[in-house]
Amino acid sequence: AYAWSETLDTAGFLALAGTRSCYNLLPPAQRAALFAALAQAIDRLGGRIEMAYETHLHMAQKLD
């Protein structure tokens, strides 16, 4: 396992969120309201948000 993080500004976070199906499945007006609220929250926190991730490497050997 490899833990890593990236810091995104408000626009970067919203761009990333816009690639997630859980947000894209929302009706457009609801998604726009949510993204506006998220932008306000991030901006209140200084305009940047740290995203923490953990990446796992799994290896397998094909059996004959």
N, C-alpha and C. Protein backbone atom coordinates (compact mmCIF):
# COMPACT_ATOMS: atom_id res chain seq x y z
N ALA A 1 0.84 -1.18 0.00
CA ALA A 1 0.00 0.00 0.00
C ALA A 1 0.89 1.24 0.00
N TYR A 2 0.47 2.22 -0.75
CA TYR A 2 1.21 3.47 -0.85
C TYR A 2 0.24 4.61 -0.57
N ALA A 3 0.47 5.32 0.53
CA ALA A 3 -0.36 6.46 0.87
C ALA A 3 0.21 7.71 0.21
N TRP A 4 -0.67 8.52 -0.37
CA TRP A 4 -0.23 9.75 -1.00
C TRP A 4 -1.39 10.75 -0.97
N SER A 5 -1.07 11.98 -1.25
CA SER A 5 -2.12 13.00 -1.25
C SER A 5 -1.80 14.04 -2.31
N GLU A 6 -2.81 14.80 -2.64
CA GLU A 6 -2.62 15.94 -3.54
C GLU A 6 -3.49 17.07 -3.03
N THR A 7 -3.00 18.27 -3.21
CA THR A 7 -3.74 19.45 -2.80
C THR A 7 -4.35 20.09 -4.04
N LEU A 8 -5.64 20.31 -3.99
CA LEU A 8 -6.37 20.88 -5.12
C LEU A 8 -6.94 22.23 -4.73
N ASP A 9 -6.95 23.15 -5.69
CA ASP A 9 -7.68 24.40 -5.45
C ASP A 9 -9.15 24.12 -5.74
N THR A 10 -9.98 25.11 -5.53
CA THR A 10 -11.42 24.92 -5.68
C THR A 10 -11.78 24.43 -7.08
N ALA A 11 -11.22 25.07 -8.10
CA ALA A 11 -11.54 24.67 -9.48
C ALA A 11 -11.06 23.26 -9.77
N GLY A 12 -9.89 22.91 -9.26
CA GLY A 12 -9.36 21.56 -9.46
C GLY A 12 -10.22 20.50 -8.80
N PHE A 13 -10.69 20.79 -7.59
CA PHE A 13 -11.55 19.84 -6.90
C PHE A 13 -12.85 19.66 -7.65
N LEU A 14 -13.45 20.76 -8.10
CA LEU A 14 -14.71 20.65 -8.83
C LEU A 14 -14.53 19.92 -10.16
N ALA A 15 -13.39 20.12 -10.80
CA ALA A 15 -13.12 19.40 -12.05
C ALA A 15 -13.00 17.90 -11.78
N LEU A 16 -12.32 17.54 -10.70
CA LEU A 16 -12.21 16.13 -10.33
C LEU A 16 -13.58 15.56 -9.97
N ALA A 17 -14.33 16.29 -9.17
CA ALA A 17 -15.66 15.82 -8.76
C ALA A 17 -16.56 15.63 -9.98
N GLY A 18 -16.38 16.46 -11.00
CA GLY A 18 -17.18 16.35 -12.21
C GLY A 18 -16.93 15.10 -13.02
N THR A 19 -15.89 14.35 -12.67
CA THR A 19 -15.61 13.09 -13.37
C THR A 19 -16.22 11.89 -12.65
N ARG A 20 -16.80 12.12 -11.50
CA ARG A 20 -17.34 11.03 -10.68
C ARG A 20 -18.81 10.79 -11.00
N SER A 21 -19.15 9.54 -11.24
CA SER A 21 -20.53 9.22 -11.64
C SER A 21 -21.53 9.54 -10.54
N CYS A 22 -21.12 9.46 -9.27
CA CYS A 22 -22.08 9.73 -8.20
C CYS A 22 -22.59 11.17 -8.27
N TYR A 23 -21.78 12.08 -8.80
CA TYR A 23 -22.22 13.47 -8.99
C TYR A 23 -22.93 13.63 -10.33
N ASN A 24 -22.44 12.96 -11.35
CA ASN A 24 -23.03 13.10 -12.68
C ASN A 24 -24.43 12.50 -12.77
N LEU A 25 -24.76 11.61 -11.86
CA LEU A 25 -26.11 11.03 -11.86
C LEU A 25 -27.15 11.96 -11.26
N LEU A 26 -26.70 13.01 -10.57
CA LEU A 26 -27.64 13.96 -10.00
C LEU A 26 -28.30 14.80 -11.10
N PRO A 27 -29.52 15.24 -10.88
CA PRO A 27 -30.13 16.17 -11.83
C PRO A 27 -29.25 17.43 -11.93
N PRO A 28 -29.15 18.03 -13.13
CA PRO A 28 -28.24 19.16 -13.32
C PRO A 28 -28.39 20.29 -12.31
N ALA A 29 -29.61 20.66 -11.96
CA ALA A 29 -29.81 21.76 -11.01
C ALA A 29 -29.30 21.38 -9.62
N GLN A 30 -29.54 20.14 -9.23
CA GLN A 30 -29.07 19.68 -7.92
C GLN A 30 -27.54 19.61 -7.89
N ARG A 31 -26.95 19.11 -8.97
CA ARG A 31 -25.49 19.04 -9.07
C ARG A 31 -24.88 20.44 -9.01
N ALA A 32 -25.46 21.39 -9.72
CA ALA A 32 -24.95 22.76 -9.72
C ALA A 32 -25.03 23.38 -8.32
N ALA A 33 -26.12 23.14 -7.61
CA ALA A 33 -26.26 23.66 -6.25
C ALA A 33 -25.24 23.02 -5.31
N LEU A 34 -25.05 21.73 -5.46
CA LEU A 34 -24.06 21.03 -4.63
C LEU A 34 -22.66 21.56 -4.90
N PHE A 35 -22.30 21.70 -6.17
CA PHE A 35 -20.96 22.18 -6.52
C PHE A 35 -20.76 23.61 -6.03
N ALA A 36 -21.80 24.43 -6.08
CA ALA A 36 -21.69 25.80 -5.57
C ALA A 36 -21.44 25.79 -4.07
N ALA A 37 -22.13 24.91 -3.35
CA ALA A 37 -21.94 24.80 -1.90
C ALA A 37 -20.55 24.27 -1.58
N LEU A 38 -20.08 23.29 -2.34
CA LEU A 38 -18.72 22.78 -2.14
C LEU A 38 -17.68 23.86 -2.39
N ALA A 39 -17.87 24.63 -3.45
CA ALA A 39 -16.94 25.71 -3.76
C ALA A 39 -16.89 26.73 -2.63
N GLN A 40 -18.04 27.09 -2.08
CA GLN A 40 -18.08 28.04 -0.97
C GLN A 40 -17.34 27.48 0.24
N ALA A 41 -17.55 26.21 0.53
CA ALA A 41 -16.91 25.59 1.69
C ALA A 41 -15.39 25.55 1.52
N ILE A 42 -14.92 25.17 0.34
CA ILE A 42 -13.48 25.12 0.09
C ILE A 42 -12.89 26.52 0.15
N ASP A 43 -13.56 27.47 -0.44
CA ASP A 43 -13.07 28.86 -0.41
C ASP A 43 -12.99 29.39 1.02
N ARG A 44 -13.96 29.03 1.87
CA ARG A 44 -13.92 29.46 3.27
C ARG A 44 -12.73 28.86 4.01
N LEU A 45 -12.28 27.69 3.55
CA LEU A 45 -11.13 27.01 4.18
C LEU A 45 -9.81 27.43 3.56
N GLY A 46 -9.80 28.48 2.76
CA GLY A 46 -8.56 28.97 2.19
C GLY A 46 -8.39 28.68 0.71
N GLY A 47 -9.38 28.07 0.09
CA GLY A 47 -9.34 27.84 -1.35
C GLY A 47 -8.55 26.62 -1.78
N ARG A 48 -8.19 25.77 -0.84
CA ARG A 48 -7.44 24.56 -1.18
C ARG A 48 -7.94 23.42 -0.29
N ILE A 49 -7.88 22.21 -0.84
CA ILE A 49 -8.31 21.03 -0.09
C ILE A 49 -7.32 19.90 -0.39
N GLU A 50 -6.95 19.18 0.65
CA GLU A 50 -6.03 18.06 0.46
C GLU A 50 -6.83 16.77 0.34
N MET A 51 -6.55 16.04 -0.71
CA MET A 51 -7.20 14.76 -0.95
C MET A 51 -6.21 13.66 -0.60
N ALA A 52 -6.60 12.78 0.32
CA ALA A 52 -5.75 11.67 0.73
C ALA A 52 -6.17 10.40 -0.01
N TYR A 53 -5.19 9.67 -0.49
CA TYR A 53 -5.45 8.44 -1.24
C TYR A 53 -4.57 7.32 -0.70
N GLU A 54 -4.94 6.10 -1.02
CA GLU A 54 -4.09 4.95 -0.76
C GLU A 54 -4.17 4.05 -1.98
N THR A 55 -3.02 3.76 -2.53
CA THR A 55 -2.94 2.93 -3.72
C THR A 55 -2.39 1.57 -3.34
N HIS A 56 -3.00 0.51 -3.88
CA HIS A 56 -2.56 -0.85 -3.58
C HIS A 56 -2.09 -1.52 -4.87
N LEU A 57 -1.02 -2.26 -4.74
CA LEU A 57 -0.52 -3.06 -5.86
C LEU A 57 -0.84 -4.52 -5.56
N HIS A 58 -1.52 -5.15 -6.48
CA HIS A 58 -1.83 -6.57 -6.35
C HIS A 58 -1.20 -7.29 -7.53
N MET A 59 -0.49 -8.35 -7.24
CA MET A 59 0.16 -9.13 -8.30
C MET A 59 -0.33 -10.57 -8.21
N ALA A 60 -0.43 -11.17 -9.37
CA ALA A 60 -0.87 -12.58 -9.42
C ALA A 60 -0.11 -13.27 -10.54
N GLN A 61 -0.02 -14.55 -10.41
CA GLN A 61 0.63 -15.34 -11.44
C GLN A 61 -0.43 -16.25 -12.07
N LYS A 62 -0.44 -16.24 -13.39
CA LYS A 62 -1.39 -17.08 -14.10
C LYS A 62 -0.99 -18.54 -13.94
N LEU A 63 -1.98 -19.38 -13.60
CA LEU A 63 -1.74 -20.81 -13.48
C LEU A 63 -2.13 -21.49 -14.79
N ASP A 64 -1.36 -22.46 -15.17
CA ASP A 64 -1.66 -23.19 -16.41
C ASP A 64 -2.74 -24.20 -16.21
